[in-house]
Amino acid sequence: MGYDTKVDVCGHGFRAMACSSLIESGLWSRDAVERQMSHQERNGVR
């Protein structure tokens, strides 16, 4: 499609684009976004 996957965008970069959009919208809690991204929560209680 004409993209440099080391500079412009790669498949894994879709995650960053989605995460940025969801946070920027201001609609969604950070906990919901983190859970959907399947990121490891470092605080055991949380």
ModelCIF file with pLDDT and N, C-alpha, C, O atoms, coordinates in Angstrom:
data_MODEL
#
_entry.id   MODEL 
#
_entity.id                         1 
_entity.type                       polymer 
_entity.pdbx_number_of_molecules   1 
#
_entity_poly.entity_id                      1 
_entity_poly.type                           'polypeptide(L)' 
_entity_poly.nstd_linkage                   no 
_entity_poly.nstd_monomer                   no 
_entity_poly.pdbx_seq_one_letter_code       MGYDTKVDVCGHGFRAMACSSLIESGLWSRDAVERQMSHQERNGVR 
_entity_poly.pdbx_seq_one_letter_code_can   MGYDTKVDVCGHGFRAMACSSLIESGLWSRDAVERQMSHQERNGVR 
_entity_poly.pdbx_strand_id                 A 
#
loop_
_entity_poly_seq.entity_id 
_entity_poly_seq.num 
_entity_poly_seq.mon_id 
_entity_poly_seq.hetero 
1 1  MET n 
1 2  GLY n 
1 3  TYR n 
1 4  ASP n 
1 5  THR n 
1 6  LYS n 
1 7  VAL n 
1 8  ASP n 
1 9  VAL n 
1 10 CYS n 
1 11 GLY n 
1 12 HIS n 
1 13 GLY n 
1 14 PHE n 
1 15 ARG n 
1 16 ALA n 
1 17 MET n 
1 18 ALA n 
1 19 CYS n 
1 20 SER n 
1 21 SER n 
1 22 LEU n 
1 23 ILE n 
1 24 GLU n 
1 25 SER n 
1 26 GLY n 
1 27 LEU n 
1 28 TRP n 
1 29 SER n 
1 30 ARG n 
1 31 ASP n 
1 32 ALA n 
1 33 VAL n 
1 34 GLU n 
1 35 ARG n 
1 36 GLN n 
1 37 MET n 
1 38 SER n 
1 39 HIS n 
1 40 GLN n 
1 41 GLU n 
1 42 ARG n 
1 43 ASN n 
1 44 GLY n 
1 45 VAL n 
1 46 ARG n 
#
_struct_asym.id          A 
_struct_asym.entity_id   1 
#
loop_
_ma_qa_metric.id 
_ma_qa_metric.mode 
_ma_qa_metric.name 
_ma_qa_metric.software_group_id 
_ma_qa_metric.type 
1 global pLDDT . pLDDT 
2 local  pLDDT . pLDDT 
#
_ma_qa_metric_global.metric_id      1 
_ma_qa_metric_global.metric_value   82.48 
_ma_qa_metric_global.model_id       1 
_ma_qa_metric_global.ordinal_id     1 
#
loop_
_ma_qa_metric_local.label_asym_id 
_ma_qa_metric_local.label_comp_id 
_ma_qa_metric_local.label_seq_id 
_ma_qa_metric_local.metric_id 
_ma_qa_metric_local.metric_value 
_ma_qa_metric_local.model_id 
_ma_qa_metric_local.ordinal_id 
A MET 1  2 93.00 1 1  
A GLY 2  2 94.00 1 2  
A TYR 3  2 94.00 1 3  
A ASP 4  2 92.00 1 4  
A THR 5  2 91.00 1 5  
A LYS 6  2 89.00 1 6  
A VAL 7  2 91.00 1 7  
A ASP 8  2 92.00 1 8  
A VAL 9  2 92.00 1 9  
A CYS 10 2 91.00 1 10 
A GLY 11 2 89.00 1 11 
A HIS 12 2 89.00 1 12 
A GLY 13 2 89.00 1 13 
A PHE 14 2 92.00 1 14 
A ARG 15 2 90.00 1 15 
A ALA 16 2 90.00 1 16 
A MET 17 2 92.00 1 17 
A ALA 18 2 92.00 1 18 
A CYS 19 2 91.00 1 19 
A SER 20 2 92.00 1 20 
A SER 21 2 93.00 1 21 
A LEU 22 2 93.00 1 22 
A ILE 23 2 92.00 1 23 
A GLU 24 2 93.00 1 24 
A SER 25 2 92.00 1 25 
A GLY 26 2 92.00 1 26 
A LEU 27 2 92.00 1 27 
A TRP 28 2 91.00 1 28 
A SER 29 2 88.00 1 29 
A ARG 30 2 86.00 1 30 
A ASP 31 2 85.00 1 31 
A ALA 32 2 86.00 1 32 
A VAL 33 2 89.00 1 33 
A GLU 34 2 87.00 1 34 
A ARG 35 2 86.00 1 35 
A GLN 36 2 87.00 1 36 
A MET 37 2 86.00 1 37 
A SER 38 2 78.00 1 38 
A HIS 39 2 60.00 1 39 
A GLN 40 2 51.00 1 40 
A GLU 41 2 47.00 1 41 
A ARG 42 2 39.00 1 42 
A ASN 43 2 44.00 1 43 
A GLY 44 2 47.00 1 44 
A VAL 45 2 41.00 1 45 
A ARG 46 2 44.00 1 46 
#
loop_
_atom_site.group_PDB 
_atom_site.id 
_atom_site.type_symbol 
_atom_site.label_atom_id 
_atom_site.label_alt_id 
_atom_site.label_comp_id 
_atom_site.label_asym_id 
_atom_site.label_entity_id 
_atom_site.label_seq_id 
_atom_site.pdbx_PDB_ins_code 
_atom_site.Cartn_x 
_atom_site.Cartn_y 
_atom_site.Cartn_z 
_atom_site.occupancy 
_atom_site.B_iso_or_equiv 
_atom_site.pdbx_formal_charge 
_atom_site.auth_seq_id 
_atom_site.auth_comp_id 
_atom_site.auth_asym_id 
_atom_site.auth_atom_id 
_atom_site.pdbx_PDB_model_num 
ATOM 1   N N  . MET A 1 1  ? 0.819   -1.213 0.000  1.00 93.00 ? 1  MET A N  1 
ATOM 2   C CA . MET A 1 1  ? 0.000   0.000  0.000  1.00 93.00 ? 1  MET A CA 1 
ATOM 3   C C  . MET A 1 1  ? 0.854   1.265  0.000  1.00 93.00 ? 1  MET A C  1 
ATOM 4   O O  . MET A 1 1  ? 0.332   2.378  -0.067 1.00 93.00 ? 1  MET A O  1 
ATOM 5   N N  . GLY A 1 2  ? 2.170   1.081  0.076  1.00 94.00 ? 2  GLY A N  1 
ATOM 6   C CA . GLY A 1 2  ? 3.066   2.239  0.008  1.00 94.00 ? 2  GLY A CA 1 
ATOM 7   C C  . GLY A 1 2  ? 3.620   2.717  1.329  1.00 94.00 ? 2  GLY A C  1 
ATOM 8   O O  . GLY A 1 2  ? 4.206   3.797  1.394  1.00 94.00 ? 2  GLY A O  1 
ATOM 9   N N  . TYR A 1 3  ? 3.449   1.926  2.404  1.00 94.00 ? 3  TYR A N  1 
ATOM 10  C CA . TYR A 1 3  ? 3.941   2.325  3.717  1.00 94.00 ? 3  TYR A CA 1 
ATOM 11  C C  . TYR A 1 3  ? 5.278   1.660  4.041  1.00 94.00 ? 3  TYR A C  1 
ATOM 12  O O  . TYR A 1 3  ? 5.507   0.501  3.697  1.00 94.00 ? 3  TYR A O  1 
ATOM 13  N N  . ASP A 1 4  ? 6.146   2.405  4.701  1.00 92.00 ? 4  ASP A N  1 
ATOM 14  C CA . ASP A 1 4  ? 7.377   1.854  5.251  1.00 92.00 ? 4  ASP A CA 1 
ATOM 15  C C  . ASP A 1 4  ? 7.031   1.328  6.645  1.00 92.00 ? 4  ASP A C  1 
ATOM 16  O O  . ASP A 1 4  ? 6.736   2.108  7.550  1.00 92.00 ? 4  ASP A O  1 
ATOM 17  N N  . THR A 1 5  ? 7.066   0.011  6.815  1.00 91.00 ? 5  THR A N  1 
ATOM 18  C CA . THR A 1 5  ? 6.620   -0.587 8.082  1.00 91.00 ? 5  THR A CA 1 
ATOM 19  C C  . THR A 1 5  ? 7.605   -0.382 9.226  1.00 91.00 ? 5  THR A C  1 
ATOM 20  O O  . THR A 1 5  ? 7.311   -0.747 10.365 1.00 91.00 ? 5  THR A O  1 
ATOM 21  N N  . LYS A 1 6  ? 8.773   0.199  8.939  1.00 89.00 ? 6  LYS A N  1 
ATOM 22  C CA . LYS A 1 6  ? 9.718   0.541  9.997  1.00 89.00 ? 6  LYS A CA 1 
ATOM 23  C C  . LYS A 1 6  ? 9.625   2.008  10.394 1.00 89.00 ? 6  LYS A C  1 
ATOM 24  O O  . LYS A 1 6  ? 10.173  2.421  11.417 1.00 89.00 ? 6  LYS A O  1 
ATOM 25  N N  . VAL A 1 7  ? 8.925   2.793  9.574  1.00 91.00 ? 7  VAL A N  1 
ATOM 26  C CA . VAL A 1 7  ? 8.851   4.237  9.813  1.00 91.00 ? 7  VAL A CA 1 
ATOM 27  C C  . VAL A 1 7  ? 7.404   4.722  9.940  1.00 91.00 ? 7  VAL A C  1 
ATOM 28  O O  . VAL A 1 7  ? 7.069   5.443  10.880 1.00 91.00 ? 7  VAL A O  1 
ATOM 29  N N  . ASP A 1 8  ? 6.541   4.322  8.982  1.00 92.00 ? 8  ASP A N  1 
ATOM 30  C CA . ASP A 1 8  ? 5.180   4.864  8.901  1.00 92.00 ? 8  ASP A CA 1 
ATOM 31  C C  . ASP A 1 8  ? 4.214   4.134  9.832  1.00 92.00 ? 8  ASP A C  1 
ATOM 32  O O  . ASP A 1 8  ? 3.701   4.713  10.789 1.00 92.00 ? 8  ASP A O  1 
ATOM 33  N N  . VAL A 1 9  ? 3.975   2.868  9.541  1.00 92.00 ? 9  VAL A N  1 
ATOM 34  C CA . VAL A 1 9  ? 3.024   2.077  10.323 1.00 92.00 ? 9  VAL A CA 1 
ATOM 35  C C  . VAL A 1 9  ? 3.292   0.592  10.108 1.00 92.00 ? 9  VAL A C  1 
ATOM 36  O O  . VAL A 1 9  ? 3.698   0.183  9.020  1.00 92.00 ? 9  VAL A O  1 
ATOM 37  N N  . CYS A 1 10 ? 3.066   -0.209 11.137 1.00 91.00 ? 10 CYS A N  1 
ATOM 38  C CA . CYS A 1 10 ? 3.130   -1.666 11.021 1.00 91.00 ? 10 CYS A CA 1 
ATOM 39  C C  . CYS A 1 10 ? 1.867   -2.241 11.654 1.00 91.00 ? 10 CYS A C  1 
ATOM 40  O O  . CYS A 1 10 ? 1.089   -1.511 12.268 1.00 91.00 ? 10 CYS A O  1 
ATOM 41  N N  . GLY A 1 11 ? 1.666   -3.547 11.505 1.00 89.00 ? 11 GLY A N  1 
ATOM 42  C CA . GLY A 1 11 ? 0.465   -4.176 12.042 1.00 89.00 ? 11 GLY A CA 1 
ATOM 43  C C  . GLY A 1 11 ? 0.297   -3.927 13.533 1.00 89.00 ? 11 GLY A C  1 
ATOM 44  O O  . GLY A 1 11 ? -0.809  -3.663 14.004 1.00 89.00 ? 11 GLY A O  1 
ATOM 45  N N  . HIS A 1 12 ? 1.399   -4.011 14.273 1.00 89.00 ? 12 HIS A N  1 
ATOM 46  C CA . HIS A 1 12 ? 1.337   -3.779 15.722 1.00 89.00 ? 12 HIS A CA 1 
ATOM 47  C C  . HIS A 1 12 ? 0.979   -2.333 16.036 1.00 89.00 ? 12 HIS A C  1 
ATOM 48  O O  . HIS A 1 12 ? 0.441   -2.034 17.102 1.00 89.00 ? 12 HIS A O  1 
ATOM 49  N N  . GLY A 1 13 ? 1.284   -1.432 15.092 1.00 89.00 ? 13 GLY A N  1 
ATOM 50  C CA . GLY A 1 13 ? 0.973   -0.019 15.287 1.00 89.00 ? 13 GLY A CA 1 
ATOM 51  C C  . GLY A 1 13 ? -0.522  0.269  15.328 1.00 89.00 ? 13 GLY A C  1 
ATOM 52  O O  . GLY A 1 13 ? -0.937  1.317  15.825 1.00 89.00 ? 13 GLY A O  1 
ATOM 53  N N  . PHE A 1 14 ? -1.349  -0.665 14.804 1.00 92.00 ? 14 PHE A N  1 
ATOM 54  C CA . PHE A 1 14 ? -2.813  -0.499 14.885 1.00 92.00 ? 14 PHE A CA 1 
ATOM 55  C C  . PHE A 1 14 ? -3.247  -0.384 16.347 1.00 92.00 ? 14 PHE A C  1 
ATOM 56  O O  . PHE A 1 14 ? -4.189  0.343  16.661 1.00 92.00 ? 14 PHE A O  1 
ATOM 57  N N  . ARG A 1 15 ? -2.561  -1.097 17.236 1.00 90.00 ? 15 ARG A N  1 
ATOM 58  C CA . ARG A 1 15 ? -2.907  -1.065 18.655 1.00 90.00 ? 15 ARG A CA 1 
ATOM 59  C C  . ARG A 1 15 ? -2.697  0.336  19.228 1.00 90.00 ? 15 ARG A C  1 
ATOM 60  O O  . ARG A 1 15 ? -3.527  0.838  19.986 1.00 90.00 ? 15 ARG A O  1 
ATOM 61  N N  . ALA A 1 16 ? -1.576  0.959  18.857 1.00 90.00 ? 16 ALA A N  1 
ATOM 62  C CA . ALA A 1 16 ? -1.292  2.310  19.335 1.00 90.00 ? 16 ALA A CA 1 
ATOM 63  C C  . ALA A 1 16 ? -2.307  3.315  18.792 1.00 90.00 ? 16 ALA A C  1 
ATOM 64  O O  . ALA A 1 16 ? -2.743  4.218  19.505 1.00 90.00 ? 16 ALA A O  1 
ATOM 65  N N  . MET A 1 17 ? -2.678  3.146  17.518 1.00 92.00 ? 17 MET A N  1 
ATOM 66  C CA . MET A 1 17 ? -3.646  4.052  16.898 1.00 92.00 ? 17 MET A CA 1 
ATOM 67  C C  . MET A 1 17 ? -5.011  3.938  17.577 1.00 92.00 ? 17 MET A C  1 
ATOM 68  O O  . MET A 1 17 ? -5.657  4.947  17.858 1.00 92.00 ? 17 MET A O  1 
ATOM 69  N N  . ALA A 1 18 ? -5.445  2.703  17.838 1.00 92.00 ? 18 ALA A N  1 
ATOM 70  C CA . ALA A 1 18 ? -6.733  2.490  18.500 1.00 92.00 ? 18 ALA A CA 1 
ATOM 71  C C  . ALA A 1 18 ? -6.698  3.039  19.925 1.00 92.00 ? 18 ALA A C  1 
ATOM 72  O O  . ALA A 1 18 ? -7.626  3.728  20.351 1.00 92.00 ? 18 ALA A O  1 
ATOM 73  N N  . CYS A 1 19 ? -5.643  2.739  20.649 1.00 91.00 ? 19 CYS A N  1 
ATOM 74  C CA . CYS A 1 19 ? -5.514  3.186  22.036 1.00 91.00 ? 19 CYS A CA 1 
ATOM 75  C C  . CYS A 1 19 ? -5.539  4.717  22.122 1.00 91.00 ? 19 CYS A C  1 
ATOM 76  O O  . CYS A 1 19 ? -6.241  5.287  22.957 1.00 91.00 ? 19 CYS A O  1 
ATOM 77  N N  . SER A 1 20 ? -4.762  5.376  21.245 1.00 92.00 ? 20 SER A N  1 
ATOM 78  C CA . SER A 1 20 ? -4.720  6.844  21.224 1.00 92.00 ? 20 SER A CA 1 
ATOM 79  C C  . SER A 1 20 ? -6.098  7.432  20.930 1.00 92.00 ? 20 SER A C  1 
ATOM 80  O O  . SER A 1 20 ? -6.520  8.399  21.564 1.00 92.00 ? 20 SER A O  1 
ATOM 81  N N  . SER A 1 21 ? -6.791  6.836  19.964 1.00 93.00 ? 21 SER A N  1 
ATOM 82  C CA . SER A 1 21 ? -8.117  7.336  19.586 1.00 93.00 ? 21 SER A CA 1 
ATOM 83  C C  . SER A 1 21 ? -9.118  7.194  20.732 1.00 93.00 ? 21 SER A C  1 
ATOM 84  O O  . SER A 1 21 ? -9.885  8.114  21.018 1.00 93.00 ? 21 SER A O  1 
ATOM 85  N N  . LEU A 1 22 ? -9.100  6.029  21.384 1.00 93.00 ? 22 LEU A N  1 
ATOM 86  C CA . LEU A 1 22 ? -10.050 5.773  22.471 1.00 93.00 ? 22 LEU A CA 1 
ATOM 87  C C  . LEU A 1 22 ? -9.810  6.719  23.647 1.00 93.00 ? 22 LEU A C  1 
ATOM 88  O O  . LEU A 1 22 ? -10.761 7.218  24.249 1.00 93.00 ? 22 LEU A O  1 
ATOM 89  N N  . ILE A 1 23 ? -8.529  6.966  23.975 1.00 92.00 ? 23 ILE A N  1 
ATOM 90  C CA . ILE A 1 23 ? -8.200  7.875  25.073 1.00 92.00 ? 23 ILE A CA 1 
ATOM 91  C C  . ILE A 1 23 ? -8.555  9.310  24.695 1.00 92.00 ? 23 ILE A C  1 
ATOM 92  O O  . ILE A 1 23 ? -9.125  10.047 25.499 1.00 92.00 ? 23 ILE A O  1 
ATOM 93  N N  . GLU A 1 24 ? -8.212  9.703  23.459 1.00 93.00 ? 24 GLU A N  1 
ATOM 94  C CA . GLU A 1 24 ? -8.463  11.073 23.006 1.00 93.00 ? 24 GLU A CA 1 
ATOM 95  C C  . GLU A 1 24 ? -9.956  11.407 22.964 1.00 93.00 ? 24 GLU A C  1 
ATOM 96  O O  . GLU A 1 24 ? -10.346 12.555 23.173 1.00 93.00 ? 24 GLU A O  1 
ATOM 97  N N  . SER A 1 25 ? -10.781 10.405 22.694 1.00 92.00 ? 25 SER A N  1 
ATOM 98  C CA . SER A 1 25 ? -12.221 10.654 22.619 1.00 92.00 ? 25 SER A CA 1 
ATOM 99  C C  . SER A 1 25 ? -12.782 11.170 23.941 1.00 92.00 ? 25 SER A C  1 
ATOM 100 O O  . SER A 1 25 ? -13.760 11.917 23.956 1.00 92.00 ? 25 SER A O  1 
ATOM 101 N N  . GLY A 1 26 ? -12.160 10.770 25.052 1.00 92.00 ? 26 GLY A N  1 
ATOM 102 C CA . GLY A 1 26 ? -12.634 11.181 26.363 1.00 92.00 ? 26 GLY A CA 1 
ATOM 103 C C  . GLY A 1 26 ? -13.854 10.413 26.839 1.00 92.00 ? 26 GLY A C  1 
ATOM 104 O O  . GLY A 1 26 ? -14.418 10.753 27.879 1.00 92.00 ? 26 GLY A O  1 
ATOM 105 N N  . LEU A 1 27 ? -14.280 9.383  26.105 1.00 92.00 ? 27 LEU A N  1 
ATOM 106 C CA . LEU A 1 27 ? -15.504 8.648  26.426 1.00 92.00 ? 27 LEU A CA 1 
ATOM 107 C C  . LEU A 1 27 ? -15.280 7.462  27.360 1.00 92.00 ? 27 LEU A C  1 
ATOM 108 O O  . LEU A 1 27 ? -16.176 7.077  28.111 1.00 92.00 ? 27 LEU A O  1 
ATOM 109 N N  . TRP A 1 28 ? -14.090 6.892  27.310 1.00 91.00 ? 28 TRP A N  1 
ATOM 110 C CA . TRP A 1 28 ? -13.888 5.582  27.906 1.00 91.00 ? 28 TRP A CA 1 
ATOM 111 C C  . TRP A 1 28 ? -12.939 5.641  29.093 1.00 91.00 ? 28 TRP A C  1 
ATOM 112 O O  . TRP A 1 28 ? -11.980 6.412  29.089 1.00 91.00 ? 28 TRP A O  1 
ATOM 113 N N  . SER A 1 29 ? -13.204 4.836  30.096 1.00 88.00 ? 29 SER A N  1 
ATOM 114 C CA . SER A 1 29 ? -12.318 4.792  31.252 1.00 88.00 ? 29 SER A CA 1 
ATOM 115 C C  . SER A 1 29 ? -10.988 4.161  30.861 1.00 88.00 ? 29 SER A C  1 
ATOM 116 O O  . SER A 1 29 ? -10.922 3.274  30.010 1.00 88.00 ? 29 SER A O  1 
ATOM 117 N N  . ARG A 1 30 ? -9.943  4.639  31.499 1.00 86.00 ? 30 ARG A N  1 
ATOM 118 C CA . ARG A 1 30 ? -8.615  4.083  31.206 1.00 86.00 ? 30 ARG A CA 1 
ATOM 119 C C  . ARG A 1 30 ? -8.545  2.591  31.546 1.00 86.00 ? 30 ARG A C  1 
ATOM 120 O O  . ARG A 1 30 ? -7.850  1.834  30.869 1.00 86.00 ? 30 ARG A O  1 
ATOM 121 N N  . ASP A 1 31 ? -9.264  2.167  32.593 1.00 85.00 ? 31 ASP A N  1 
ATOM 122 C CA . ASP A 1 31 ? -9.278  0.757  32.978 1.00 85.00 ? 31 ASP A CA 1 
ATOM 123 C C  . ASP A 1 31 ? -9.853  -0.115 31.863 1.00 85.00 ? 31 ASP A C  1 
ATOM 124 O O  . ASP A 1 31 ? -9.327  -1.191 31.578 1.00 85.00 ? 31 ASP A O  1 
ATOM 125 N N  . ALA A 1 32 ? -10.941 0.354  31.232 1.00 86.00 ? 32 ALA A N  1 
ATOM 126 C CA . ALA A 1 32 ? -11.564 -0.403 30.142 1.00 86.00 ? 32 ALA A CA 1 
ATOM 127 C C  . ALA A 1 32 ? -10.628 -0.496 28.942 1.00 86.00 ? 32 ALA A C  1 
ATOM 128 O O  . ALA A 1 32 ? -10.516 -1.548 28.313 1.00 86.00 ? 32 ALA A O  1 
ATOM 129 N N  . VAL A 1 33 ? -9.957  0.615  28.629 1.00 89.00 ? 33 VAL A N  1 
ATOM 130 C CA . VAL A 1 33 ? -9.014  0.623  27.503 1.00 89.00 ? 33 VAL A CA 1 
ATOM 131 C C  . VAL A 1 33 ? -7.863  -0.335 27.796 1.00 89.00 ? 33 VAL A C  1 
ATOM 132 O O  . VAL A 1 33 ? -7.496  -1.139 26.939 1.00 89.00 ? 33 VAL A O  1 
ATOM 133 N N  . GLU A 1 34 ? -7.287  -0.256 29.004 1.00 87.00 ? 34 GLU A N  1 
ATOM 134 C CA . GLU A 1 34 ? -6.170  -1.121 29.371 1.00 87.00 ? 34 GLU A CA 1 
ATOM 135 C C  . GLU A 1 34 ? -6.567  -2.590 29.333 1.00 87.00 ? 34 GLU A C  1 
ATOM 136 O O  . GLU A 1 34 ? -5.792  -3.437 28.889 1.00 87.00 ? 34 GLU A O  1 
ATOM 137 N N  . ARG A 1 35 ? -7.763  -2.888 29.794 1.00 86.00 ? 35 ARG A N  1 
ATOM 138 C CA . ARG A 1 35 ? -8.245  -4.268 29.780 1.00 86.00 ? 35 ARG A CA 1 
ATOM 139 C C  . ARG A 1 35 ? -8.392  -4.769 28.343 1.00 86.00 ? 35 ARG A C  1 
ATOM 140 O O  . ARG A 1 35 ? -8.037  -5.907 28.036 1.00 86.00 ? 35 ARG A O  1 
ATOM 141 N N  . GLN A 1 36 ? -8.923  -3.903 27.461 1.00 87.00 ? 36 GLN A N  1 
ATOM 142 C CA . GLN A 1 36 ? -9.086  -4.318 26.072 1.00 87.00 ? 36 GLN A CA 1 
ATOM 143 C C  . GLN A 1 36 ? -7.748  -4.481 25.366 1.00 87.00 ? 36 GLN A C  1 
ATOM 144 O O  . GLN A 1 36 ? -7.588  -5.357 24.515 1.00 87.00 ? 36 GLN A O  1 
ATOM 145 N N  . MET A 1 37 ? -6.797  -3.642 25.720 1.00 86.00 ? 37 MET A N  1 
ATOM 146 C CA . MET A 1 37 ? -5.456  -3.759 25.149 1.00 86.00 ? 37 MET A CA 1 
ATOM 147 C C  . MET A 1 37 ? -4.733  -4.975 25.707 1.00 86.00 ? 37 MET A C  1 
ATOM 148 O O  . MET A 1 37 ? -3.697  -5.381 25.181 1.00 86.00 ? 37 MET A O  1 
ATOM 149 N N  . SER A 1 38 ? -5.283  -5.561 26.782 1.00 78.00 ? 38 SER A N  1 
ATOM 150 C CA . SER A 1 38 ? -4.680  -6.714 27.462 1.00 78.00 ? 38 SER A CA 1 
ATOM 151 C C  . SER A 1 38 ? -3.278  -6.380 27.950 1.00 78.00 ? 38 SER A C  1 
ATOM 152 O O  . SER A 1 38 ? -2.338  -7.156 27.776 1.00 78.00 ? 38 SER A O  1 
ATOM 153 N N  . HIS A 1 39 ? -3.159  -5.193 28.572 1.00 60.00 ? 39 HIS A N  1 
ATOM 154 C CA . HIS A 1 39 ? -1.908  -4.796 29.193 1.00 60.00 ? 39 HIS A CA 1 
ATOM 155 C C  . HIS A 1 39 ? -1.848  -5.326 30.612 1.00 60.00 ? 39 HIS A C  1 
ATOM 156 O O  . HIS A 1 39 ? -2.874  -5.478 31.275 1.00 60.00 ? 39 HIS A O  1 
ATOM 157 N N  . GLN A 1 40 ? -0.646  -5.605 31.070 1.00 51.00 ? 40 GLN A N  1 
ATOM 158 C CA . GLN A 1 40 ? -0.450  -6.114 32.419 1.00 51.00 ? 40 GLN A CA 1 
ATOM 159 C C  . GLN A 1 40 ? -0.543  -4.979 33.418 1.00 51.00 ? 40 GLN A C  1 
ATOM 160 O O  . GLN A 1 40 ? 0.217   -4.015 33.321 1.00 51.00 ? 40 GLN A O  1 
ATOM 161 N N  . GLU A 1 41 ? -1.441  -5.067 34.362 1.00 47.00 ? 41 GLU A N  1 
ATOM 162 C CA . GLU A 1 41 ? -1.532  -4.098 35.438 1.00 47.00 ? 41 GLU A CA 1 
ATOM 163 C C  . GLU A 1 41 ? -0.474  -4.412 36.482 1.00 47.00 ? 41 GLU A C  1 
ATOM 164 O O  . GLU A 1 41 ? -0.441  -5.517 37.023 1.00 47.00 ? 41 GLU A O  1 
ATOM 165 N N  . ARG A 1 42 ? 0.414   -3.422 36.774 1.00 39.00 ? 42 ARG A N  1 
ATOM 166 C CA . ARG A 1 42 ? 1.527   -3.658 37.688 1.00 39.00 ? 42 ARG A CA 1 
ATOM 167 C C  . ARG A 1 42 ? 1.113   -3.599 39.154 1.00 39.00 ? 42 ARG A C  1 
ATOM 168 O O  . ARG A 1 42 ? 1.785   -4.177 40.008 1.00 39.00 ? 42 ARG A O  1 
ATOM 169 N N  . ASN A 1 43 ? 0.046   -2.927 39.446 1.00 44.00 ? 43 ASN A N  1 
ATOM 170 C CA . ASN A 1 43 ? -0.457  -2.885 40.806 1.00 44.00 ? 43 ASN A CA 1 
ATOM 171 C C  . ASN A 1 43 ? -1.341  -4.102 41.058 1.00 44.00 ? 43 ASN A C  1 
ATOM 172 O O  . ASN A 1 43 ? -2.368  -4.273 40.401 1.00 44.00 ? 43 ASN A O  1 
ATOM 173 N N  . GLY A 1 44 ? -0.938  -4.959 42.021 1.00 47.00 ? 44 GLY A N  1 
ATOM 174 C CA . GLY A 1 44 ? -1.626  -6.228 42.242 1.00 47.00 ? 44 GLY A CA 1 
ATOM 175 C C  . GLY A 1 44 ? -3.081  -6.070 42.628 1.00 47.00 ? 44 GLY A C  1 
ATOM 176 O O  . GLY A 1 44 ? -3.927  -6.834 42.162 1.00 47.00 ? 44 GLY A O  1 
ATOM 177 N N  . VAL A 1 45 ? -3.398  -5.077 43.484 1.00 41.00 ? 45 VAL A N  1 
ATOM 178 C CA . VAL A 1 45 ? -4.770  -4.858 43.924 1.00 41.00 ? 45 VAL A CA 1 
ATOM 179 C C  . VAL A 1 45 ? -5.632  -4.408 42.753 1.00 41.00 ? 45 VAL A C  1 
ATOM 180 O O  . VAL A 1 45 ? -6.734  -4.915 42.541 1.00 41.00 ? 45 VAL A O  1 
ATOM 181 N N  . ARG A 1 46 ? -5.106  -3.444 41.996 1.00 44.00 ? 46 ARG A N  1 
ATOM 182 C CA . ARG A 1 46 ? -5.840  -2.964 40.819 1.00 44.00 ? 46 ARG A CA 1 
ATOM 183 C C  . ARG A 1 46 ? -6.001  -4.063 39.786 1.00 44.00 ? 46 ARG A C  1 
ATOM 184 O O  . ARG A 1 46 ? -6.594  -3.837 38.731 1.00 44.00 ? 46 ARG A O  1 
#
